[in-house]
Amino acid sequence: MDEYTPLRGLVRLGPWDAMPIPDAGEQLQAVARRVADSREEIALTDSDGRIVAVVISLPKLEDLEENLSLARNEIDRRDGKELTSHEDFMKELRGGA
């Protein structure tokens, strides 16, 4: 992350780069661009310093969803159940029919 303009409030919190929600809100475009370009995550903290959300890039989210779909199909295969297409899995994941 060194090649980016420093983000106000960004600190290391365990394995995460983290920042308070108000600081992230004031710098939302820079936060979003950094996450999109680097595929790193930035955790957002509440007023008590607890992580309440994580900003991730769209490609990283898609990778996580794909891995979750593959894992579910592997479990279903092991349990002798019918496999689910990725599209159907995503509909189910997002609360669709």
C-alpha atoms as a PDB file:
ATOM      1  CA  MET A   1       0.000   0.000   0.000  1.00  0.00           C
ATOM      2  CA  ASP A   2       3.038   2.268   0.093  1.00  0.00           C
ATOM      3  CA  GLU A   3       2.488   3.660  -3.419  1.00  0.00           C
ATOM      4  CA  TYR A   4      -0.822   5.259  -2.409  1.00  0.00           C
ATOM      5  CA  THR A   5      -1.501   8.585  -0.757  1.00  0.00           C
ATOM      6  CA  PRO A   6      -1.770   7.932   2.989  1.00  0.00           C
ATOM      7  CA  LEU A   7      -5.299   7.520   4.273  1.00  0.00           C
ATOM      8  CA  ARG A   8      -6.095   9.493   7.426  1.00  0.00           C
ATOM      9  CA  GLY A   9      -6.929   7.150  10.297  1.00  0.00           C
ATOM     10  CA  LEU A  10      -5.569   3.974   8.670  1.00  0.00           C
ATOM     11  CA  VAL A  11      -3.878   1.713  11.233  1.00  0.00           C
ATOM     12  CA  ARG A  12      -2.903  -1.939  11.485  1.00  0.00           C
ATOM     13  CA  LEU A  13      -5.394  -3.875  13.632  1.00  0.00           C
ATOM     14  CA  GLY A  14      -4.237  -7.471  13.891  1.00  0.00           C
ATOM     15  CA  PRO A  15      -4.196  -8.862  10.343  1.00  0.00           C
ATOM     16  CA  TRP A  16      -6.234  -5.929   8.998  1.00  0.00           C
ATOM     17  CA  ASP A  17      -5.612  -2.427   7.752  1.00  0.00           C
ATOM     18  CA  ALA A  18      -8.424  -0.619   9.555  1.00  0.00           C
ATOM     19  CA  MET A  19      -9.887   2.830   9.906  1.00  0.00           C
ATOM     20  CA  PRO A  20     -12.800   4.464  11.714  1.00  0.00           C
ATOM     21  CA  ILE A  21     -16.011   4.736   9.708  1.00  0.00           C
ATOM     22  CA  PRO A  22     -16.069   8.575   9.827  1.00  0.00           C
ATOM     23  CA  ASP A  23     -12.525   8.753   8.394  1.00  0.00           C
ATOM     24  CA  ALA A  24     -13.421   6.241   5.685  1.00  0.00           C
ATOM     25  CA  GLY A  25     -16.544   8.204   4.796  1.00  0.00           C
ATOM     26  CA  GLU A  26     -14.580  11.414   4.325  1.00  0.00           C
ATOM     27  CA  GLN A  27     -12.133   9.567   2.045  1.00  0.00           C
ATOM     28  CA  LEU A  28     -14.503   7.101   0.435  1.00  0.00           C
ATOM     29  CA  GLN A  29     -13.278   7.587  -3.115  1.00  0.00           C
ATOM     30  CA  ALA A  30      -9.633   7.023  -2.086  1.00  0.00           C
ATOM     31  CA  VAL A  31     -10.587   4.010   0.058  1.00  0.00           C
ATOM     32  CA  ALA A  32     -12.596   2.460  -2.775  1.00  0.00           C
ATOM     33  CA  ARG A  33      -9.860   3.093  -5.349  1.00  0.00           C
ATOM     34  CA  ARG A  34      -7.165   1.598  -3.099  1.00  0.00           C
ATOM     35  CA  VAL A  35      -9.227  -1.518  -2.426  1.00  0.00           C
ATOM     36  CA  ALA A  36     -10.125  -1.891  -6.107  1.00  0.00           C
ATOM     37  CA  ASP A  37      -6.530  -1.470  -7.283  1.00  0.00           C
ATOM     38  CA  SER A  38      -4.746  -3.504  -4.606  1.00  0.00           C
ATOM     39  CA  ARG A  39      -7.332  -6.240  -3.904  1.00  0.00           C
ATOM     40  CA  GLU A  40      -6.487  -5.716  -0.246  1.00  0.00           C
ATOM     41  CA  GLU A  41      -9.200  -5.196   2.328  1.00  0.00           C
ATOM     42  CA  ILE A  42      -9.774  -2.268   4.643  1.00  0.00           C
ATOM     43  CA  ALA A  43     -11.712  -2.975   7.822  1.00  0.00           C
ATOM     44  CA  LEU A  44     -14.023  -0.292   9.175  1.00  0.00           C
ATOM     45  CA  THR A  45     -14.278   0.267  12.907  1.00  0.00           C
ATOM     46  CA  ASP A  46     -17.041   1.711  15.070  1.00  0.00           C
ATOM     47  CA  SER A  47     -16.583   4.302  17.824  1.00  0.00           C
ATOM     48  CA  ASP A  48     -15.377   1.549  20.190  1.00  0.00           C
ATOM     49  CA  GLY A  49     -12.664   0.443  17.755  1.00  0.00           C
ATOM     50  CA  ARG A  50     -14.431  -2.819  16.857  1.00  0.00           C
ATOM     51  CA  ILE A  51     -14.380  -4.022  13.265  1.00  0.00           C
ATOM     52  CA  VAL A  52     -17.939  -3.849  11.953  1.00  0.00           C
ATOM     53  CA  ALA A  53     -17.431  -4.129   8.190  1.00  0.00           C
ATOM     54  CA  VAL A  54     -14.774  -4.829   5.586  1.00  0.00           C
ATOM     55  CA  VAL A  55     -14.390  -3.089   2.222  1.00  0.00           C
ATOM     56  CA  ILE A  56     -13.231  -5.507  -0.489  1.00  0.00           C
ATOM     57  CA  SER A  57     -12.888  -5.282  -4.251  1.00  0.00           C
ATOM     58  CA  LEU A  58     -15.531  -6.698  -6.563  1.00  0.00           C
ATOM     59  CA  PRO A  59     -13.105  -9.264  -8.068  1.00  0.00           C
ATOM     60  CA  LYS A  60     -12.215 -10.453  -4.567  1.00  0.00           C
ATOM     61  CA  LEU A  61     -15.912 -10.785  -3.664  1.00  0.00           C
ATOM     62  CA  GLU A  62     -16.511 -12.761  -6.854  1.00  0.00           C
ATOM     63  CA  ASP A  63     -13.581 -15.055  -5.993  1.00  0.00           C
ATOM     64  CA  LEU A  64     -14.986 -15.632  -2.494  1.00  0.00           C
ATOM     65  CA  GLU A  65     -18.433 -16.397  -3.891  1.00  0.00           C
ATOM     66  CA  GLU A  66     -16.969 -18.816  -6.435  1.00  0.00           C
ATOM     67  CA  ASN A  67     -14.951 -20.580  -3.741  1.00  0.00           C
ATOM     68  CA  LEU A  68     -18.034 -20.821  -1.528  1.00  0.00           C
ATOM     69  CA  SER A  69     -20.023 -22.317  -4.410  1.00  0.00           C
ATOM     70  CA  LEU A  70     -17.269 -24.864  -5.112  1.00  0.00           C
ATOM     71  CA  ALA A  71     -17.026 -25.790  -1.424  1.00  0.00           C
ATOM     72  CA  ARG A  72     -20.771 -26.273  -1.175  1.00  0.00           C
ATOM     73  CA  ASN A  73     -20.790 -28.508  -4.245  1.00  0.00           C
ATOM     74  CA  GLU A  74     -17.916 -30.544  -2.813  1.00  0.00           C
ATOM     75  CA  ILE A  75     -19.866 -31.064   0.424  1.00  0.00           C
ATOM     76  CA  ASP A  76     -23.021 -31.937  -1.538  1.00  0.00           C
ATOM     77  CA  ARG A  77     -21.041 -34.388  -3.692  1.00  0.00           C
ATOM     78  CA  ARG A  78     -19.623 -36.029  -0.575  1.00  0.00           C
ATOM     79  CA  ASP A  79     -23.114 -36.263   0.949  1.00  0.00           C
ATOM     80  CA  GLY A  80     -24.618 -37.711  -2.250  1.00  0.00           C
ATOM     81  CA  LYS A  81     -26.785 -34.668  -2.936  1.00  0.00           C
ATOM     82  CA  GLU A  82     -27.545 -33.074  -6.274  1.00  0.00           C
ATOM     83  CA  LEU A  83     -25.049 -30.378  -7.249  1.00  0.00           C
ATOM     84  CA  THR A  84     -26.144 -26.761  -7.683  1.00  0.00           C
ATOM     85  CA  SER A  85     -25.084 -24.550 -10.581  1.00  0.00           C
ATOM     86  CA  HIS A  86     -23.129 -21.455  -9.661  1.00  0.00           C
ATOM     87  CA  GLU A  87     -25.952 -19.253 -10.964  1.00  0.00           C
ATOM     88  CA  ASP A  88     -28.544 -21.037  -8.803  1.00  0.00           C
ATOM     89  CA  PHE A  89     -26.204 -20.901  -5.826  1.00  0.00           C
ATOM     90  CA  MET A  90     -25.793 -17.133  -6.251  1.00  0.00           C
ATOM     91  CA  LYS A  91     -29.568 -16.644  -6.466  1.00  0.00           C
ATOM     92  CA  GLU A  92     -29.952 -18.638  -3.266  1.00  0.00           C
ATOM     93  CA  LEU A  93     -27.108 -16.780  -1.578  1.00  0.00           C
ATOM     94  CA  ARG A  94     -28.710 -13.445  -2.383  1.00  0.00           C
ATOM     95  CA  GLY A  95     -32.114 -14.559  -1.121  1.00  0.00           C
ATOM     96  CA  GLY A  96     -33.752 -15.351  -4.452  1.00  0.00           C
ATOM     97  CA  ALA A  97     -35.917 -18.322  -5.240  1.00  0.00           C
END
